[in-house]
Protein backbone atom coordinates (compact mmCIF):
# COMPACT_ATOMS: atom_id res chain seq x y z
CA MET A 1 0.08 -0.06 0.03
CA ARG A 2 2.97 2.37 0.48
CA GLN A 3 4.71 1.78 -2.42
CA ILE A 4 1.23 2.53 -4.49
CA LEU A 5 0.67 5.83 -2.62
CA LEU A 6 4.36 6.81 -3.00
CA VAL A 7 3.67 6.16 -6.95
CA LEU A 8 0.67 8.01 -7.15
CA GLY A 9 2.63 10.95 -5.62
CA GLY A 10 5.00 11.29 -8.16
CA ILE A 11 2.61 10.74 -10.70
CA CYS A 12 0.76 14.13 -9.07
CA VAL A 13 3.78 15.58 -8.41
CA PHE A 14 5.07 15.12 -12.17
CA GLY A 15 1.89 16.06 -13.24
CA VAL A 16 1.77 19.62 -11.00
CA SER A 17 4.91 20.44 -11.99
CA ALA A 18 4.82 19.63 -15.94
CA LEU A 19 1.16 22.41 -15.69
CA VAL A 20 2.66 25.03 -13.97
CA MET A 21 5.95 24.81 -15.90
CA THR A 22 3.35 24.56 -19.03
CA LYS A 23 1.93 27.88 -18.06
CA LEU A 24 5.33 29.48 -17.63
CA MET A 25 6.72 28.96 -20.38
CA PRO A 26 6.22 31.53 -23.29
CA ALA A 27 2.87 30.88 -25.82
CA PRO A 28 4.38 29.66 -28.91
CA LEU A 29 5.65 25.49 -27.38
CA LYS A 30 7.99 24.15 -29.56
CA ASP A 31 9.35 20.56 -29.51
CA SER A 32 12.23 20.96 -27.28
CA ASP A 33 10.24 23.19 -24.77
CA TYR A 34 8.12 20.15 -24.51
CA LEU A 35 11.58 18.80 -24.28
CA VAL A 36 12.55 20.85 -21.16
CA ILE A 37 9.56 20.52 -19.40
CA GLY A 38 9.09 16.65 -18.97
CA SER A 39 12.76 16.69 -17.67
CA VAL A 40 12.47 19.47 -15.50
CA ALA A 41 8.99 17.69 -14.02
CA THR A 42 10.62 14.21 -13.59
CA LEU A 43 13.72 15.85 -11.92
CA ILE A 44 11.16 17.70 -9.82
CA SER A 45 9.34 14.00 -8.73
CA LEU A 46 12.39 12.02 -8.71
CA LEU A 47 13.43 14.57 -5.76
CA VAL A 48 10.24 15.15 -4.33
CA MET A 49 10.10 11.45 -3.87
CA PHE A 50 13.61 10.62 -2.71
CA LEU A 51 13.78 13.30 -0.10
CA ILE A 52 9.92 11.54 1.10
CA LEU A 53 11.67 8.14 1.06
CA ILE A 54 14.85 9.48 2.93
CA SER A 55 12.28 11.22 5.74
CA THR A 56 10.03 8.28 5.93
CA ARG A 57 11.41 5.16 6.03
CA MET A 58 15.40 5.50 7.00
CA LYS A 59 15.79 7.03 10.15
CA SER A 60 19.59 5.92 10.70
CA PRO A 61 21.87 8.70 11.46
CA ASP A 62 24.45 7.98 9.09
CA LEU A 63 22.10 7.32 6.25
CA PHE A 64 25.03 7.38 3.41
CA PHE A 65 27.81 6.19 5.11
CA LYS A 66 28.14 2.75 6.82
CA LYS A 67 31.19 2.44 9.58
CA ARG A 68 32.82 -1.05 8.85
CA LYS A 69 33.77 -3.26 11.19
CA LYS A 70 37.43 -2.93 12.11
CA LYS A 71 39.69 -5.96 11.28
CA GLN A 72 41.43 -7.35 13.97
């Protein structure tokens, strides 16, 4: 259930960010403008999903670093 909500949230963030970028771009949109809009929307949605996963699932203080056991 949690994965479904995460995917649906990512899709919603993608849609909203693509809509906002479409409204912010100047009126005659070319194919390259749509490519930029899709790229930025993808980047934003992946960043939001990453931050949500970091804040909810992983609560360790050393999130990106793992300490190795010392060899004796």
